[in-house]
Amino acid sequence: MLKTILRKTAKWLLILLLISLLPVIVLRWAPAPGSMLMFERWLQARGGENALVIQHQWLRYDHIPDSMKMAVIAAEDQHFANHGGFDLAAIRAALEHNRRGGNLRGASTISQQVAKNLFLWSGRSWPRKGLEAWYTFWIELLWPKQRILEMYLNIVEWDDGVFGVEAAARHHFGIGGSYLSQRQSALLAAVLPNPRQWSAANPPAHVQNRANWIQRQTRQLGGRHYLDQVEARRGAPQWLSFTYWRERLSGA
């Protein structure tokens, strides 16, 4: 009896996990109409006096300035081009820092933030972290790095109800996302640790200082050369492609 229950449970768990991959596959190509974080913010605001209007408009990767792409990489995930979704060195450093009693430090990569914001709810529970790891693994496996960065820049939160670089540029600077300058890009990236409290349009001194640091880091990372590495990472390994097996079987 117990074995039967366990088999059925495992079967349905596997089915649910496979179903969870459908949006990952679809969003490999389709623009995201929204995210779970947008929905969560909308729900939180329903009980308030003022309804929250979600500002979000998709901006294609080739329309996003290189300065904006590099600013978020410099600020959030400098090993983005090379890791497989999890920056183990950063995780070890954060654990050691937290063990010593400093301010809590996270080590989430851009890929993990996409998984969390796009598909999951906020919080620090173990089930949510487990699902975050699940989605991060498949995003890294099935999406090119360029797509991951494009998705991140289109769903990241930049103020109450403001999501994505296009809405952020219009909200903070009154321009389209394609026209962001290097300094404006650095300021937007600088507020990401606390986008609902810090303003890119009227940045306090610590945001200005962080933007200065981001610009220095961008130059040290190599700018366009670094993005070439990102764009060269095409996602799934060759052995997962139909072409790979067709060539192997036809040559056998």
C-alpha atoms as a PDB file:
ATOM      1  CA  MET A   1       0.000   0.000   0.000  1.00  0.00           C
ATOM      2  CA  LEU A   2       2.735   2.437   0.984  1.00  0.00           C
ATOM      3  CA  LYS A   3       4.740   1.585  -2.146  1.00  0.00           C
ATOM      4  CA  THR A   4       1.691   2.260  -4.320  1.00  0.00           C
ATOM      5  CA  ILE A   5       1.132   5.653  -2.686  1.00  0.00           C
ATOM      6  CA  LEU A   6       4.796   6.550  -3.112  1.00  0.00           C
ATOM      7  CA  ARG A   7       4.746   5.489  -6.780  1.00  0.00           C
ATOM      8  CA  LYS A   8       1.638   7.540  -7.486  1.00  0.00           C
ATOM      9  CA  THR A   9       3.050  10.528  -5.617  1.00  0.00           C
ATOM     10  CA  ALA A  10       6.314  10.324  -7.545  1.00  0.00           C
ATOM     11  CA  LYS A  11       4.398   9.976 -10.823  1.00  0.00           C
ATOM     12  CA  TRP A  12       2.277  13.076 -10.214  1.00  0.00           C
ATOM     13  CA  LEU A  13       5.252  15.017  -8.947  1.00  0.00           C
ATOM     14  CA  LEU A  14       7.128  14.201 -12.159  1.00  0.00           C
ATOM     15  CA  ILE A  15       4.113  15.238 -14.248  1.00  0.00           C
ATOM     16  CA  LEU A  16       3.869  18.562 -12.403  1.00  0.00           C
ATOM     17  CA  LEU A  17       7.575  19.214 -12.848  1.00  0.00           C
ATOM     18  CA  LEU A  18       7.346  18.498 -16.570  1.00  0.00           C
ATOM     19  CA  ILE A  19       4.322  20.800 -16.880  1.00  0.00           C
ATOM     20  CA  SER A  20       6.335  23.502 -15.120  1.00  0.00           C
ATOM     21  CA  LEU A  21       8.787  23.426 -18.037  1.00  0.00           C
ATOM     22  CA  LEU A  22       6.163  24.507 -20.583  1.00  0.00           C
ATOM     23  CA  PRO A  23       6.411  28.245 -19.800  1.00  0.00           C
ATOM     24  CA  VAL A  24      10.223  27.983 -19.828  1.00  0.00           C
ATOM     25  CA  ILE A  25      10.063  26.566 -23.353  1.00  0.00           C
ATOM     26  CA  VAL A  26       7.465  29.075 -24.590  1.00  0.00           C
ATOM     27  CA  LEU A  27       9.271  32.078 -23.101  1.00  0.00           C
ATOM     28  CA  ARG A  28      12.491  31.011 -24.785  1.00  0.00           C
ATOM     29  CA  TRP A  29      11.054  32.898 -27.778  1.00  0.00           C
ATOM     30  CA  ALA A  30       7.881  34.762 -26.738  1.00  0.00           C
ATOM     31  CA  PRO A  31       7.995  38.124 -24.922  1.00  0.00           C
ATOM     32  CA  ALA A  32       6.838  37.773 -21.324  1.00  0.00           C
ATOM     33  CA  PRO A  33       3.431  39.448 -20.899  1.00  0.00           C
ATOM     34  CA  GLY A  34       4.160  39.835 -17.196  1.00  0.00           C
ATOM     35  CA  SER A  35       5.708  38.079 -14.227  1.00  0.00           C
ATOM     36  CA  MET A  36       4.713  36.581 -10.908  1.00  0.00           C
ATOM     37  CA  LEU A  37       6.319  39.538  -9.125  1.00  0.00           C
ATOM     38  CA  MET A  38       4.101  41.949 -11.081  1.00  0.00           C
ATOM     39  CA  PHE A  39       1.050  39.904 -10.113  1.00  0.00           C
ATOM     40  CA  GLU A  40       2.180  39.800  -6.493  1.00  0.00           C
ATOM     41  CA  ARG A  41       2.652  43.579  -6.357  1.00  0.00           C
ATOM     42  CA  TRP A  42      -0.796  44.081  -7.893  1.00  0.00           C
ATOM     43  CA  LEU A  43      -2.365  41.789  -5.302  1.00  0.00           C
ATOM     44  CA  GLN A  44      -0.595  43.562  -2.438  1.00  0.00           C
ATOM     45  CA  ALA A  45      -1.936  46.918  -3.609  1.00  0.00           C
ATOM     46  CA  ARG A  46      -5.563  45.778  -3.941  1.00  0.00           C
ATOM     47  CA  GLY A  47      -6.323  46.448  -0.288  1.00  0.00           C
ATOM     48  CA  GLY A  48      -4.851  49.951  -0.399  1.00  0.00           C
ATOM     49  CA  GLU A  49      -6.471  53.274  -1.157  1.00  0.00           C
ATOM     50  CA  ASN A  50      -4.864  53.622  -4.590  1.00  0.00           C
ATOM     51  CA  ALA A  51      -4.857  50.914  -7.230  1.00  0.00           C
ATOM     52  CA  LEU A  52      -1.426  50.024  -8.559  1.00  0.00           C
ATOM     53  CA  VAL A  53      -1.013  50.534 -12.296  1.00  0.00           C
ATOM     54  CA  ILE A  54       1.599  48.154 -13.697  1.00  0.00           C
ATOM     55  CA  GLN A  55       3.915  49.918 -16.157  1.00  0.00           C
ATOM     56  CA  HIS A  56       5.573  47.404 -18.452  1.00  0.00           C
ATOM     57  CA  GLN A  57       6.501  47.327 -22.120  1.00  0.00           C
ATOM     58  CA  TRP A  58       8.751  44.763 -23.790  1.00  0.00           C
ATOM     59  CA  LEU A  59      11.969  46.097 -25.358  1.00  0.00           C
ATOM     60  CA  ARG A  60      13.912  43.808 -27.694  1.00  0.00           C
ATOM     61  CA  TYR A  61      17.499  42.947 -26.842  1.00  0.00           C
ATOM     62  CA  ASP A  62      18.939  44.774 -29.847  1.00  0.00           C
ATOM     63  CA  HIS A  63      17.089  47.954 -28.824  1.00  0.00           C
ATOM     64  CA  ILE A  64      18.525  47.976 -25.291  1.00  0.00           C
ATOM     65  CA  PRO A  65      21.738  50.046 -25.045  1.00  0.00           C
ATOM     66  CA  ASP A  66      24.940  48.130 -24.354  1.00  0.00           C
ATOM     67  CA  SER A  67      25.537  50.503 -21.443  1.00  0.00           C
ATOM     68  CA  MET A  68      22.341  49.263 -19.764  1.00  0.00           C
ATOM     69  CA  LYS A  69      23.201  45.610 -20.321  1.00  0.00           C
ATOM     70  CA  MET A  70      26.680  46.072 -18.893  1.00  0.00           C
ATOM     71  CA  ALA A  71      25.477  48.213 -15.973  1.00  0.00           C
ATOM     72  CA  VAL A  72      23.229  45.463 -14.575  1.00  0.00           C
ATOM     73  CA  ILE A  73      25.931  42.832 -15.142  1.00  0.00           C
ATOM     74  CA  ALA A  74      28.500  44.985 -13.334  1.00  0.00           C
ATOM     75  CA  ALA A  75      26.066  45.678 -10.495  1.00  0.00           C
ATOM     76  CA  GLU A  76      24.392  42.298 -10.083  1.00  0.00           C
ATOM     77  CA  ASP A  77      26.393  39.434 -11.594  1.00  0.00           C
ATOM     78  CA  GLN A  78      29.906  40.003 -12.927  1.00  0.00           C
ATOM     79  CA  HIS A  79      30.418  36.286 -13.677  1.00  0.00           C
ATOM     80  CA  PHE A  80      27.213  36.101 -15.721  1.00  0.00           C
ATOM     81  CA  ALA A  81      28.949  35.164 -18.996  1.00  0.00           C
ATOM     82  CA  ASN A  82      30.718  32.174 -17.474  1.00  0.00           C
ATOM     83  CA  HIS A  83      28.630  30.556 -14.739  1.00  0.00           C
ATOM     84  CA  GLY A  84      25.931  27.929 -15.257  1.00  0.00           C
ATOM     85  CA  GLY A  85      23.257  29.757 -13.306  1.00  0.00           C
ATOM     86  CA  PHE A  86      24.844  29.564  -9.860  1.00  0.00           C
ATOM     87  CA  ASP A  87      27.935  31.554  -8.864  1.00  0.00           C
ATOM     88  CA  LEU A  88      29.457  29.115  -6.361  1.00  0.00           C
ATOM     89  CA  ALA A  89      32.313  31.438  -5.404  1.00  0.00           C
ATOM     90  CA  ALA A  90      29.845  34.243  -4.630  1.00  0.00           C
ATOM     91  CA  ILE A  91      27.653  31.843  -2.635  1.00  0.00           C
ATOM     92  CA  ARG A  92      30.626  30.741  -0.500  1.00  0.00           C
ATOM     93  CA  ALA A  93      31.674  34.372   0.047  1.00  0.00           C
ATOM     94  CA  ALA A  94      28.128  35.365   1.059  1.00  0.00           C
ATOM     95  CA  LEU A  95      27.818  32.444   3.478  1.00  0.00           C
ATOM     96  CA  GLU A  96      31.127  33.347   5.099  1.00  0.00           C
ATOM     97  CA  HIS A  97      30.151  37.018   5.321  1.00  0.00           C
ATOM     98  CA  ASN A  98      26.800  36.159   6.898  1.00  0.00           C
ATOM     99  CA  ARG A  99      28.448  33.692   9.297  1.00  0.00           C
ATOM    100  CA  ARG A 100      30.656  36.478  10.600  1.00  0.00           C
ATOM    101  CA  GLY A 101      27.578  38.492  11.512  1.00  0.00           C
ATOM    102  CA  GLY A 102      27.612  41.209   8.857  1.00  0.00           C
ATOM    103  CA  ASN A 103      24.550  42.552   7.095  1.00  0.00           C
ATOM    104  CA  LEU A 104      22.868  39.698   5.267  1.00  0.00           C
ATOM    105  CA  ARG A 105      24.324  39.390   1.787  1.00  0.00           C
ATOM    106  CA  GLY A 106      22.780  37.465  -1.071  1.00  0.00           C
ATOM    107  CA  ALA A 107      24.509  35.792  -3.999  1.00  0.00           C
ATOM    108  CA  SER A 108      21.703  35.469  -6.542  1.00  0.00           C
ATOM    109  CA  THR A 109      22.785  35.504 -10.168  1.00  0.00           C
ATOM    110  CA  ILE A 110      20.833  37.230 -12.917  1.00  0.00           C
ATOM    111  CA  SER A 111      19.589  33.777 -13.960  1.00  0.00           C
ATOM    112  CA  GLN A 112      18.277  33.077 -10.450  1.00  0.00           C
ATOM    113  CA  GLN A 113      16.575  36.459 -10.312  1.00  0.00           C
ATOM    114  CA  VAL A 114      14.840  35.749 -13.627  1.00  0.00           C
ATOM    115  CA  ALA A 115      13.638  32.375 -12.301  1.00  0.00           C
ATOM    116  CA  LYS A 116      12.379  33.907  -9.062  1.00  0.00           C
ATOM    117  CA  ASN A 117      10.709  37.031 -10.453  1.00  0.00           C
ATOM    118  CA  LEU A 118       9.222  35.405 -13.541  1.00  0.00           C
ATOM    119  CA  PHE A 119       7.802  32.197 -12.069  1.00  0.00           C
ATOM    120  CA  LEU A 120       7.736  32.311  -8.252  1.00  0.00           C
ATOM    121  CA  TRP A 121       6.525  34.179  -5.199  1.00  0.00           C
ATOM    122  CA  SER A 122       8.663  36.282  -2.853  1.00  0.00           C
ATOM    123  CA  GLY A 123      10.087  34.794   0.309  1.00  0.00           C
ATOM    124  CA  ARG A 124      12.980  32.778   1.674  1.00  0.00           C
ATOM    125  CA  SER A 125      11.389  29.393   2.315  1.00  0.00           C
ATOM    126  CA  TRP A 126      13.195  26.187   1.333  1.00  0.00           C
ATOM    127  CA  PRO A 127      10.428  25.079  -1.092  1.00  0.00           C
ATOM    128  CA  ARG A 128      10.718  28.388  -2.944  1.00  0.00           C
ATOM    129  CA  LYS A 129      14.515  28.165  -3.044  1.00  0.00           C
ATOM    130  CA  GLY A 130      14.223  24.625  -4.379  1.00  0.00           C
ATOM    131  CA  LEU A 131      11.884  25.721  -7.170  1.00  0.00           C
ATOM    132  CA  GLU A 132      14.171  28.661  -7.900  1.00  0.00           C
ATOM    133  CA  ALA A 133      17.068  26.230  -8.398  1.00  0.00           C
ATOM    134  CA  TRP A 134      14.853  24.030 -10.620  1.00  0.00           C
ATOM    135  CA  TYR A 135      13.845  26.895 -12.895  1.00  0.00           C
ATOM    136  CA  THR A 136      17.368  28.349 -12.933  1.00  0.00           C
ATOM    137  CA  PHE A 137      18.790  25.022 -14.104  1.00  0.00           C
ATOM    138  CA  TRP A 138      16.346  24.758 -17.014  1.00  0.00           C
ATOM    139  CA  ILE A 139      16.600  28.418 -17.988  1.00  0.00           C
ATOM    140  CA  GLU A 140      20.371  28.087 -18.227  1.00  0.00           C
ATOM    141  CA  LEU A 141      20.034  24.823 -20.153  1.00  0.00           C
ATOM    142  CA  LEU A 142      17.373  25.900 -22.648  1.00  0.00           C
ATOM    143  CA  TRP A 143      17.932  29.655 -23.085  1.00  0.00           C
ATOM    144  CA  PRO A 144      20.949  31.480 -24.514  1.00  0.00           C
ATOM    145  CA  LYS A 145      22.624  33.884 -22.111  1.00  0.00           C
ATOM    146  CA  GLN A 146      21.468  36.733 -24.336  1.00  0.00           C
ATOM    147  CA  ARG A 147      17.832  35.695 -23.792  1.00  0.00           C
ATOM    148  CA  ILE A 148      18.316  35.480 -20.028  1.00  0.00           C
ATOM    149  CA  LEU A 149      19.728  39.018 -19.964  1.00  0.00           C
ATOM    150  CA  GLU A 150      16.947  40.275 -22.246  1.00  0.00           C
ATOM    151  CA  MET A 151      14.301  38.745 -19.970  1.00  0.00           C
ATOM    152  CA  TYR A 152      15.912  40.157 -16.842  1.00  0.00           C
ATOM    153  CA  LEU A 153      16.002  43.682 -18.250  1.00  0.00           C
ATOM    154  CA  ASN A 154      12.341  43.419 -19.251  1.00  0.00           C
ATOM    155  CA  ILE A 155      10.912  42.197 -15.940  1.00  0.00           C
ATOM    156  CA  VAL A 156      13.153  43.636 -13.214  1.00  0.00           C
ATOM    157  CA  GLU A 157      11.416  46.036 -10.803  1.00  0.00           C
ATOM    158  CA  TRP A 158      12.459  49.718 -10.852  1.00  0.00           C
ATOM    159  CA  ASP A 159       9.795  51.383  -8.650  1.00  0.00           C
ATOM    160  CA  ASP A 160       6.272  50.669  -7.451  1.00  0.00           C
ATOM    161  CA  GLY A 161       4.527  49.183 -10.473  1.00  0.00           C
ATOM    162  CA  VAL A 162       7.462  49.958 -12.795  1.00  0.00           C
ATOM    163  CA  PHE A 163       8.906  46.886 -14.490  1.00  0.00           C
ATOM    164  CA  GLY A 164      11.449  46.576 -17.259  1.00  0.00           C
ATOM    165  CA  VAL A 165      13.954  48.976 -18.757  1.00  0.00           C
ATOM    166  CA  GLU A 166      11.487  50.685 -21.127  1.00  0.00           C
ATOM    167  CA  ALA A 167       9.049  51.600 -18.353  1.00  0.00           C
ATOM    168  CA  ALA A 168      11.949  52.543 -16.052  1.00  0.00           C
ATOM    169  CA  ALA A 169      13.503  54.915 -18.595  1.00  0.00           C
ATOM    170  CA  ARG A 170      10.178  56.645 -19.177  1.00  0.00           C
ATOM    171  CA  HIS A 171       9.322  56.764 -15.459  1.00  0.00           C
ATOM    172  CA  HIS A 172      12.670  58.088 -14.212  1.00  0.00           C
ATOM    173  CA  PHE A 173      14.019  60.088 -17.163  1.00  0.00           C
ATOM    174  CA  GLY A 174      11.111  60.701 -19.549  1.00  0.00           C
ATOM    175  CA  ILE A 175      12.807  58.940 -22.488  1.00  0.00           C
ATOM    176  CA  GLY A 176      12.551  55.586 -24.244  1.00  0.00           C
ATOM    177  CA  GLY A 177      14.780  52.781 -23.058  1.00  0.00           C
ATOM    178  CA  SER A 178      16.754  52.804 -26.312  1.00  0.00           C
ATOM    179  CA  TYR A 179      18.016  56.336 -25.573  1.00  0.00           C
ATOM    180  CA  LEU A 180      19.512  55.786 -22.119  1.00  0.00           C
ATOM    181  CA  SER A 181      22.953  57.312 -21.637  1.00  0.00           C
ATOM    182  CA  GLN A 182      25.807  55.555 -19.839  1.00  0.00           C
ATOM    183  CA  ARG A 183      25.171  57.604 -16.706  1.00  0.00           C
ATOM    184  CA  GLN A 184      21.425  56.966 -16.725  1.00  0.00           C
ATOM    185  CA  SER A 185      22.070  53.244 -17.205  1.00  0.00           C
ATOM    186  CA  ALA A 186      24.459  53.237 -14.239  1.00  0.00           C
ATOM    187  CA  LEU A 187      21.925  55.081 -12.062  1.00  0.00           C
ATOM    188  CA  LEU A 188      19.167  52.598 -12.911  1.00  0.00           C
ATOM    189  CA  ALA A 189      21.462  49.682 -12.056  1.00  0.00           C
ATOM    190  CA  ALA A 190      22.562  51.430  -8.854  1.00  0.00           C
ATOM    191  CA  VAL A 191      19.043  51.448  -7.371  1.00  0.00           C
ATOM    192  CA  LEU A 192      18.360  47.745  -7.963  1.00  0.00           C
ATOM    193  CA  PRO A 193      19.138  46.663  -4.384  1.00  0.00           C
ATOM    194  CA  ASN A 194      16.204  48.801  -3.229  1.00  0.00           C
ATOM    195  CA  PRO A 195      14.269  50.074  -6.272  1.00  0.00           C
ATOM    196  CA  ARG A 196      11.107  51.005  -4.380  1.00  0.00           C
ATOM    197  CA  GLN A 197      12.963  53.315  -2.004  1.00  0.00           C
ATOM    198  CA  TRP A 198      15.879  54.704  -4.035  1.00  0.00           C
ATOM    199  CA  SER A 199      15.332  57.026  -6.977  1.00  0.00           C
ATOM    200  CA  ALA A 200      17.397  57.006 -10.160  1.00  0.00           C
ATOM    201  CA  ALA A 201      15.902  60.356 -11.182  1.00  0.00           C
ATOM    202  CA  ASN A 202      16.811  62.064  -7.892  1.00  0.00           C
ATOM    203  CA  PRO A 203      19.640  59.888  -6.591  1.00  0.00           C
ATOM    204  CA  PRO A 204      20.983  60.427  -3.067  1.00  0.00           C
ATOM    205  CA  ALA A 205      24.744  60.483  -2.511  1.00  0.00           C
ATOM    206  CA  HIS A 206      25.098  56.733  -1.896  1.00  0.00           C
ATOM    207  CA  VAL A 207      23.307  55.957  -5.180  1.00  0.00           C
ATOM    208  CA  GLN A 208      25.565  58.406  -7.032  1.00  0.00           C
ATOM    209  CA  ASN A 209      28.603  56.703  -5.495  1.00  0.00           C
ATOM    210  CA  ARG A 210      27.310  53.276  -6.433  1.00  0.00           C
ATOM    211  CA  ALA A 211      26.676  54.464  -9.998  1.00  0.00           C
ATOM    212  CA  ASN A 212      30.284  55.710 -10.164  1.00  0.00           C
ATOM    213  CA  TRP A 213      31.480  52.276  -9.028  1.00  0.00           C
ATOM    214  CA  ILE A 214      29.272  50.543 -11.623  1.00  0.00           C
ATOM    215  CA  GLN A 215      30.746  52.644 -14.417  1.00  0.00           C
ATOM    216  CA  ARG A 216      34.283  51.767 -13.296  1.00  0.00           C
ATOM    217  CA  GLN A 217      33.376  48.085 -13.103  1.00  0.00           C
ATOM    218  CA  THR A 218      31.844  48.217 -16.578  1.00  0.00           C
ATOM    219  CA  ARG A 219      35.090  49.526 -18.021  1.00  0.00           C
ATOM    220  CA  GLN A 220      37.127  46.896 -16.177  1.00  0.00           C
ATOM    221  CA  LEU A 221      34.878  44.086 -17.425  1.00  0.00           C
ATOM    222  CA  GLY A 222      35.486  45.173 -21.006  1.00  0.00           C
ATOM    223  CA  GLY A 223      32.130  46.566 -22.140  1.00  0.00           C
ATOM    224  CA  ARG A 224      31.309  45.346 -25.655  1.00  0.00           C
ATOM    225  CA  HIS A 225      33.938  42.598 -25.464  1.00  0.00           C
ATOM    226  CA  TYR A 226      32.172  41.154 -22.413  1.00  0.00           C
ATOM    227  CA  LEU A 227      28.802  41.279 -24.182  1.00  0.00           C
ATOM    228  CA  ASP A 228      30.340  39.368 -27.094  1.00  0.00           C
ATOM    229  CA  GLN A 229      31.039  36.556 -24.620  1.00  0.00           C
ATOM    230  CA  VAL A 230      27.454  36.693 -23.374  1.00  0.00           C
ATOM    231  CA  GLU A 231      26.044  36.553 -26.898  1.00  0.00           C
ATOM    232  CA  ALA A 232      28.319  33.635 -27.824  1.00  0.00           C
ATOM    233  CA  ARG A 233      26.757  31.442 -25.107  1.00  0.00           C
ATOM    234  CA  ARG A 234      23.945  29.798 -27.040  1.00  0.00           C
ATOM    235  CA  GLY A 235      22.257  27.833 -24.280  1.00  0.00           C
ATOM    236  CA  ALA A 236      21.665  24.084 -24.458  1.00  0.00           C
ATOM    237  CA  PRO A 237      24.671  21.811 -25.113  1.00  0.00           C
ATOM    238  CA  GLN A 238      25.000  20.257 -28.557  1.00  0.00           C
ATOM    239  CA  TRP A 239      23.931  16.795 -27.433  1.00  0.00           C
ATOM    240  CA  LEU A 240      20.419  18.127 -26.723  1.00  0.00           C
ATOM    241  CA  SER A 241      19.881  19.237 -30.307  1.00  0.00           C
ATOM    242  CA  PHE A 242      18.108  17.242 -33.029  1.00  0.00           C
ATOM    243  CA  THR A 243      20.854  18.135 -35.522  1.00  0.00           C
ATOM    244  CA  TYR A 244      23.535  16.614 -33.307  1.00  0.00           C
ATOM    245  CA  TRP A 245      21.824  13.207 -33.134  1.00  0.00           C
ATOM    246  CA  ARG A 246      20.785  13.243 -36.797  1.00  0.00           C
ATOM    247  CA  GLU A 247      24.408  13.744 -37.821  1.00  0.00           C
ATOM    248  CA  ARG A 248      25.608  11.036 -35.438  1.00  0.00           C
ATOM    249  CA  LEU A 249      22.990   8.525 -36.588  1.00  0.00           C
ATOM    250  CA  SER A 250      23.430   9.255 -40.288  1.00  0.00           C
ATOM    251  CA  GLY A 251      27.183   8.797 -39.957  1.00  0.00           C
ATOM    252  CA  ALA A 252      26.872   5.496 -38.090  1.00  0.00           C
END
